[in-house]
Amino acid sequence: MESPALPGSDGPAALLARAFMDEPLFTYLWPDAGQRRRRVPGFFDLMVSTGREHGLCETSPGREGAAIWRRPGEWQLGWGTVALNLHRFLPLFGTAVGRALRIIRLVEHRHPTKPHWYLAYLGVAPEFRGRGVARSLLRSRLDLCDLEGLPAYLETQKADNLGLYRSVGFELVGEERVPGGPPCYFMWREPRSGPEVA
């Protein structure tokens, strides 16, 4: 599904930055809107580049949305990747490093150990929401999960997203929040057999 960036179109990092700019996780990390506008694009540059090392980054055909999936056994970036990118991580988070570490500890504590595909980020540009783009991106990977017999896992900070994820087979397996932060919903999907995800 991934294709080269078209002239004048958003690459996946810029697209995800627009999709997540005012989402709860990022307003928690960088409450100041100006700082958030400066930091979130760099964050997704880093997530897309490391995502490609440890999985894949898929975009919808018209570049309306993008998803970063990490392969089984590679959901954590690992110390090698962190060390190689430390010069990018530290300036990126700045004063938000404490809040980022609280979220990371929560996510790592709750993350399942059974092999699975991990949906790290799924975002749709604001002007294309409600048109089935997110569902199409989900089906692309989940159909392959079903063929491979592998489960999938994700976290989301928005209760509004739960219905979409449930509709493609995810189940809510937990909910928690760090003090002062957004709720974090943990969702798991067992592979399906038979017809593809509706």
Protein backbone atom coordinates (compact mmCIF):
# COMPACT_ATOMS: atom_id res chain seq x y z
CA MET A 1 0.00 0.00 0.00
CA GLU A 2 2.90 2.37 0.63
CA SER A 3 3.89 4.45 -2.37
CA PRO A 4 6.42 7.21 -3.03
CA ALA A 5 5.37 10.69 -1.97
CA LEU A 6 3.62 12.53 -4.74
CA PRO A 7 4.68 16.08 -5.58
CA GLY A 8 2.77 18.50 -3.40
CA SER A 9 1.24 15.76 -1.22
CA ASP A 10 1.86 15.01 2.44
CA GLY A 11 4.35 12.33 3.34
CA PRO A 12 3.25 9.98 6.13
CA ALA A 13 5.07 11.90 8.90
CA ALA A 14 3.50 15.25 7.95
CA LEU A 15 0.11 13.58 7.53
CA LEU A 16 0.29 11.91 10.96
CA ALA A 17 1.43 15.18 12.54
CA ARG A 18 -1.68 16.92 11.18
CA ALA A 19 -3.89 14.04 12.29
CA PHE A 20 -2.55 13.96 15.86
CA MET A 21 -1.78 17.63 16.48
CA ASP A 22 -4.63 18.20 18.94
CA GLU A 23 -5.12 14.63 20.15
CA PRO A 24 -5.09 13.96 23.93
CA LEU A 25 -1.64 12.31 24.04
CA PHE A 26 0.05 15.27 22.39
CA THR A 27 -1.84 17.96 24.27
CA TYR A 28 -0.66 16.17 27.43
CA LEU A 29 2.95 16.06 26.25
CA TRP A 30 3.00 19.64 24.97
CA PRO A 31 0.10 21.65 26.43
CA ASP A 32 1.27 24.84 24.72
CA ALA A 33 -0.14 24.88 21.17
CA GLY A 34 2.86 26.69 19.70
CA GLN A 35 5.31 24.25 21.21
CA ARG A 36 3.13 21.35 20.03
CA ARG A 37 3.18 22.66 16.45
CA ARG A 38 6.97 22.75 16.60
CA ARG A 39 7.44 19.32 18.23
CA VAL A 40 4.82 16.98 16.77
CA PRO A 41 6.17 16.97 13.17
CA GLY A 42 9.64 16.00 14.43
CA PHE A 43 8.09 13.31 16.61
CA PHE A 44 6.41 11.70 13.60
CA ASP A 45 9.52 12.03 11.44
CA LEU A 46 11.21 9.90 14.07
CA MET A 47 8.27 7.47 14.44
CA VAL A 48 8.05 6.91 10.67
CA SER A 49 11.79 6.31 10.26
CA THR A 50 12.00 3.91 13.23
CA GLY A 51 8.67 2.38 12.25
CA ARG A 52 10.10 1.38 8.89
CA GLU A 53 13.08 -0.24 10.61
CA HIS A 54 10.86 -2.32 12.89
CA GLY A 55 7.75 -2.82 10.79
CA LEU A 56 6.04 -0.78 8.13
CA CYS A 57 4.33 2.49 7.42
CA GLU A 58 1.27 2.24 5.22
CA THR A 59 -0.54 5.14 3.59
CA SER A 60 -3.92 5.21 1.93
CA PRO A 61 -3.81 5.51 -1.89
CA GLY A 62 -4.81 9.18 -1.84
CA ARG A 63 -2.55 10.02 1.12
CA GLU A 64 -5.53 10.80 3.34
CA GLY A 65 -4.28 8.63 6.21
CA ALA A 66 -1.33 6.61 7.43
CA ALA A 67 -0.60 3.78 9.86
CA ILE A 68 2.61 2.65 11.54
CA TRP A 69 2.70 -1.06 12.40
CA ARG A 70 5.52 -2.83 14.23
CA ARG A 71 6.35 -6.46 13.56
CA PRO A 72 5.92 -9.24 16.14
CA GLY A 73 8.75 -9.03 18.66
CA GLU A 74 9.71 -5.48 17.59
CA TRP A 75 7.11 -3.30 19.27
CA GLN A 76 9.77 -1.68 21.47
CA LEU A 77 12.32 0.49 19.72
CA GLY A 78 15.16 -1.15 21.65
CA TRP A 79 18.22 0.49 23.18
CA GLY A 80 20.21 0.30 19.94
CA THR A 81 17.63 2.35 18.05
CA VAL A 82 17.23 4.74 20.98
CA ALA A 83 21.01 5.20 21.25
CA LEU A 84 21.34 5.88 17.52
CA ASN A 85 18.55 8.46 17.73
CA LEU A 86 19.32 9.98 21.14
CA HIS A 87 20.42 13.21 19.48
CA ARG A 88 16.87 13.43 18.10
CA PHE A 89 14.91 12.20 21.14
CA LEU A 90 16.30 14.56 23.76
CA PRO A 91 15.81 17.90 21.93
CA LEU A 92 12.44 16.72 20.68
CA PHE A 93 10.90 16.15 24.11
CA GLY A 94 12.73 18.90 26.00
CA THR A 95 10.74 19.74 29.14
CA ALA A 96 8.14 17.08 28.21
CA VAL A 97 10.61 14.23 28.83
CA GLY A 98 9.12 13.44 32.27
CA ARG A 99 5.58 13.20 30.87
CA ALA A 100 6.84 11.10 27.94
CA LEU A 101 8.58 8.67 30.31
CA ARG A 102 5.40 8.27 32.38
CA ILE A 103 3.44 7.32 29.25
CA ILE A 104 6.21 4.99 28.04
CA ARG A 105 6.33 3.19 31.41
CA LEU A 106 2.54 2.71 31.37
CA VAL A 107 2.56 1.38 27.80
CA GLU A 108 5.48 -0.97 28.47
CA HIS A 109 3.92 -2.26 31.69
CA ARG A 110 0.66 -3.16 29.96
CA HIS A 111 2.06 -4.45 26.67
CA PRO A 112 1.36 -8.17 26.00
CA THR A 113 4.23 -10.63 25.55
CA LYS A 114 2.49 -12.96 23.08
CA PRO A 115 3.73 -12.35 19.48
CA HIS A 116 1.51 -9.85 17.66
CA TRP A 117 1.44 -6.97 15.18
CA TYR A 118 1.38 -3.67 17.06
CA LEU A 119 -0.53 -0.70 15.68
CA ALA A 120 1.61 2.15 16.98
CA TYR A 121 -0.21 5.00 15.18
CA LEU A 122 -3.19 5.35 12.87
CA GLY A 123 -4.19 8.82 11.73
CA VAL A 124 -6.39 10.45 9.10
CA ALA A 125 -6.08 14.07 7.98
CA PRO A 126 -8.90 16.10 9.58
CA GLU A 127 -10.56 16.94 6.26
CA PHE A 128 -10.88 13.22 5.33
CA ARG A 129 -12.29 11.83 8.56
CA GLY A 130 -15.54 9.90 8.43
CA ARG A 131 -14.92 8.54 4.92
CA GLY A 132 -13.71 5.04 5.77
CA VAL A 133 -9.98 5.78 5.40
CA ALA A 134 -9.06 4.46 8.86
CA ARG A 135 -11.09 1.27 8.32
CA SER A 136 -9.39 0.68 4.97
CA LEU A 137 -5.94 1.08 6.54
CA LEU A 138 -6.90 -1.32 9.32
CA ARG A 139 -8.21 -3.94 6.92
CA SER A 140 -5.00 -3.89 4.90
CA ARG A 141 -2.92 -5.20 7.82
CA LEU A 142 -5.63 -7.13 9.69
CA ASP A 143 -6.42 -9.26 6.62
CA LEU A 144 -2.75 -10.28 6.62
CA CYS A 145 -2.84 -10.91 10.39
CA ASP A 146 -5.72 -13.30 9.74
CA LEU A 147 -3.82 -15.08 6.97
CA GLU A 148 -0.74 -15.38 9.19
CA GLY A 149 -2.76 -16.39 12.25
CA LEU A 150 -1.34 -13.50 14.29
CA PRO A 151 -3.13 -11.25 16.77
CA ALA A 152 -2.91 -7.46 16.82
CA TYR A 153 -2.69 -4.93 19.63
CA LEU A 154 -3.05 -1.17 20.07
CA GLU A 155 -3.50 1.63 22.56
CA THR A 156 -5.68 4.67 22.04
CA GLN A 157 -6.27 7.74 24.18
CA LYS A 158 -9.72 8.49 22.75
CA ALA A 159 -12.91 6.71 23.79
CA ASP A 160 -14.39 7.85 20.44
CA ASN A 161 -12.02 5.41 18.68
CA LEU A 162 -13.21 2.33 20.53
CA GLY A 163 -16.22 1.72 18.27
CA LEU A 164 -14.10 1.68 15.11
CA TYR A 165 -11.59 -0.74 16.59
CA ARG A 166 -14.31 -2.99 18.00
CA SER A 167 -15.95 -3.09 14.57
CA VAL A 168 -12.85 -4.77 13.10
CA GLY A 169 -12.46 -7.29 15.91
CA PHE A 170 -10.48 -5.58 18.68
CA GLU A 171 -11.63 -6.02 22.27
CA LEU A 172 -10.95 -3.67 25.17
CA VAL A 173 -8.60 -5.46 27.58
CA GLY A 174 -7.77 -2.62 29.97
CA GLU A 175 -7.89 1.07 30.76
CA GLU A 176 -5.48 3.17 32.80
CA ARG A 177 -4.10 6.69 32.99
CA VAL A 178 -1.04 8.43 34.33
CA PRO A 179 -1.79 11.20 36.86
CA GLY A 180 -2.82 14.32 34.96
CA GLY A 181 -2.72 12.50 31.62
CA PRO A 182 -5.36 11.17 29.23
CA PRO A 183 -6.97 7.74 29.67
CA CYS A 184 -5.20 4.97 27.79
CA TYR A 185 -7.35 2.16 26.37
CA PHE A 186 -5.64 -1.15 25.57
CA MET A 187 -7.13 -3.31 22.82
CA TRP A 188 -6.37 -6.82 21.56
CA ARG A 189 -7.58 -8.68 18.46
CA GLU A 190 -7.34 -12.41 17.89
CA PRO A 191 -6.92 -13.48 14.24
CA ARG A 192 -10.07 -14.43 12.40
CA SER A 193 -10.64 -17.31 10.08
CA GLY A 194 -13.03 -17.30 7.18
CA PRO A 195 -14.19 -14.16 5.32
CA GLU A 196 -12.14 -10.99 5.57
CA VAL A 197 -12.91 -8.33 8.16
CA ALA A 198 -16.16 -6.51 7.30
